[in-house]
C-alpha atoms as a PDB file:
ATOM      1  CA  MET A   1     -68.256 -33.617 -74.072  1.00  0.00           C
ATOM      2  CA  LYS A   2     -68.370 -35.810 -70.933  1.00  0.00           C
ATOM      3  CA  HIS A   3     -68.451 -39.615 -70.738  1.00  0.00           C
ATOM      4  CA  HIS A   4     -71.314 -41.069 -68.618  1.00  0.00           C
ATOM      5  CA  ASP A   5     -71.592 -44.637 -67.334  1.00  0.00           C
ATOM      6  CA  LEU A   6     -75.179 -45.378 -66.387  1.00  0.00           C
ATOM      7  CA  GLU A   7     -76.958 -48.424 -64.992  1.00  0.00           C
ATOM      8  CA  ILE A   8     -80.548 -49.108 -65.995  1.00  0.00           C
ATOM      9  CA  LEU A   9     -82.795 -51.235 -63.788  1.00  0.00           C
ATOM     10  CA  ILE A  10     -85.824 -52.526 -65.687  1.00  0.00           C
ATOM     11  CA  THR A  11     -88.883 -53.795 -63.838  1.00  0.00           C
ATOM     12  CA  THR A  12     -91.479 -55.989 -65.506  1.00  0.00           C
ATOM     13  CA  ARG A  13     -94.379 -57.919 -64.068  1.00  0.00           C
ATOM     14  CA  LYS A  14     -95.284 -61.420 -65.270  1.00  0.00           C
ATOM     15  CA  PHE A  15     -97.945 -63.730 -63.951  1.00  0.00           C
ATOM     16  CA  PHE A  16     -96.937 -67.374 -63.401  1.00  0.00           C
ATOM     17  CA  ALA A  17     -99.113 -70.357 -62.525  1.00  0.00           C
ATOM     18  CA  CYS A  18     -97.856 -73.799 -61.461  1.00  0.00           C
ATOM     19  CA  ASP A  19     -99.001 -76.844 -59.532  1.00  0.00           C
ATOM     20  CA  ALA A  20     -97.210 -77.328 -56.214  1.00  0.00           C
ATOM     21  CA  GLU A  21     -97.834 -78.795 -52.803  1.00  0.00           C
ATOM     22  CA  SER A  22     -96.983 -75.590 -50.934  1.00  0.00           C
ATOM     23  CA  THR A  23     -96.303 -71.903 -51.471  1.00  0.00           C
ATOM     24  CA  GLU A  24     -92.608 -72.577 -50.800  1.00  0.00           C
ATOM     25  CA  GLU A  25     -92.485 -75.207 -53.605  1.00  0.00           C
ATOM     26  CA  ALA A  26     -94.393 -72.817 -55.963  1.00  0.00           C
ATOM     27  CA  VAL A  27     -91.861 -70.057 -55.218  1.00  0.00           C
ATOM     28  CA  LYS A  28     -88.958 -72.428 -55.936  1.00  0.00           C
ATOM     29  CA  ILE A  29     -90.473 -73.491 -59.278  1.00  0.00           C
ATOM     30  CA  ALA A  30     -91.179 -69.857 -60.197  1.00  0.00           C
ATOM     31  CA  THR A  31     -87.698 -68.726 -59.284  1.00  0.00           C
ATOM     32  CA  THR A  32     -86.091 -71.564 -61.355  1.00  0.00           C
ATOM     33  CA  GLU A  33     -88.229 -70.668 -64.393  1.00  0.00           C
ATOM     34  CA  ALA A  34     -87.550 -66.921 -64.061  1.00  0.00           C
ATOM     35  CA  ARG A  35     -83.797 -67.464 -63.853  1.00  0.00           C
ATOM     36  CA  LYS A  36     -83.902 -69.482 -67.118  1.00  0.00           C
ATOM     37  CA  HIS A  37     -85.225 -66.429 -68.945  1.00  0.00           C
ATOM     38  CA  LEU A  38     -83.469 -63.545 -67.204  1.00  0.00           C
ATOM     39  CA  GLY A  39     -80.074 -64.057 -68.820  1.00  0.00           C
ATOM     40  CA  GLN A  40     -76.531 -63.209 -67.716  1.00  0.00           C
ATOM     41  CA  ASP A  41     -77.428 -59.698 -66.617  1.00  0.00           C
ATOM     42  CA  PHE A  42     -80.008 -60.935 -64.084  1.00  0.00           C
ATOM     43  CA  TYR A  43     -79.779 -58.769 -60.955  1.00  0.00           C
ATOM     44  CA  SER A  44     -82.786 -59.501 -58.784  1.00  0.00           C
ATOM     45  CA  LEU A  45     -86.402 -60.661 -58.716  1.00  0.00           C
ATOM     46  CA  GLU A  46     -89.266 -60.407 -56.283  1.00  0.00           C
ATOM     47  CA  ILE A  47     -92.139 -62.951 -56.165  1.00  0.00           C
ATOM     48  CA  ARG A  48     -95.500 -61.816 -54.700  1.00  0.00           C
ATOM     49  CA  ASP A  49     -98.576 -63.817 -53.924  1.00  0.00           C
ATOM     50  CA  PRO A  50    -101.775 -61.806 -54.641  1.00  0.00           C
ATOM     51  CA  SER A  51    -103.869 -64.258 -52.620  1.00  0.00           C
ATOM     52  CA  ALA A  52    -101.757 -63.474 -49.522  1.00  0.00           C
ATOM     53  CA  GLY A  53    -102.899 -59.831 -49.560  1.00  0.00           C
ATOM     54  CA  TRP A  54    -101.237 -57.738 -52.259  1.00  0.00           C
ATOM     55  CA  PRO A  55     -98.452 -56.708 -52.239  1.00  0.00           C
ATOM     56  CA  GLU A  56     -97.038 -59.274 -49.818  1.00  0.00           C
ATOM     57  CA  THR A  57     -93.517 -60.301 -50.920  1.00  0.00           C
ATOM     58  CA  VAL A  58     -93.051 -64.076 -50.737  1.00  0.00           C
ATOM     59  CA  HIS A  59     -89.522 -64.329 -51.995  1.00  0.00           C
ATOM     60  CA  GLU A  60     -86.613 -62.142 -53.193  1.00  0.00           C
ATOM     61  CA  ALA A  61     -83.549 -63.401 -55.059  1.00  0.00           C
ATOM     62  CA  THR A  62     -80.457 -61.589 -56.245  1.00  0.00           C
ATOM     63  CA  ASN A  63     -77.506 -62.482 -58.395  1.00  0.00           C
ATOM     64  CA  PRO A  64     -74.500 -62.052 -56.044  1.00  0.00           C
ATOM     65  CA  GLU A  65     -72.121 -61.913 -59.012  1.00  0.00           C
ATOM     66  CA  ILE A  66     -73.516 -58.576 -60.181  1.00  0.00           C
ATOM     67  CA  THR A  67     -72.750 -55.640 -57.887  1.00  0.00           C
END
């Protein structure tokens, strides 16, 4: 029998609403809230703005400690 080390990347989609003065501020708030819930194994996230013409990516963030 062989030993296998596998990495699983899980993608979920959540909708988030907040009050902000700009898209940039809204992205910062959403990123902060997402990081609170992602845990130690957080690898990356992508924030999209449906009103900007789906699927326009507004922001991407990665955890540089996880390679």
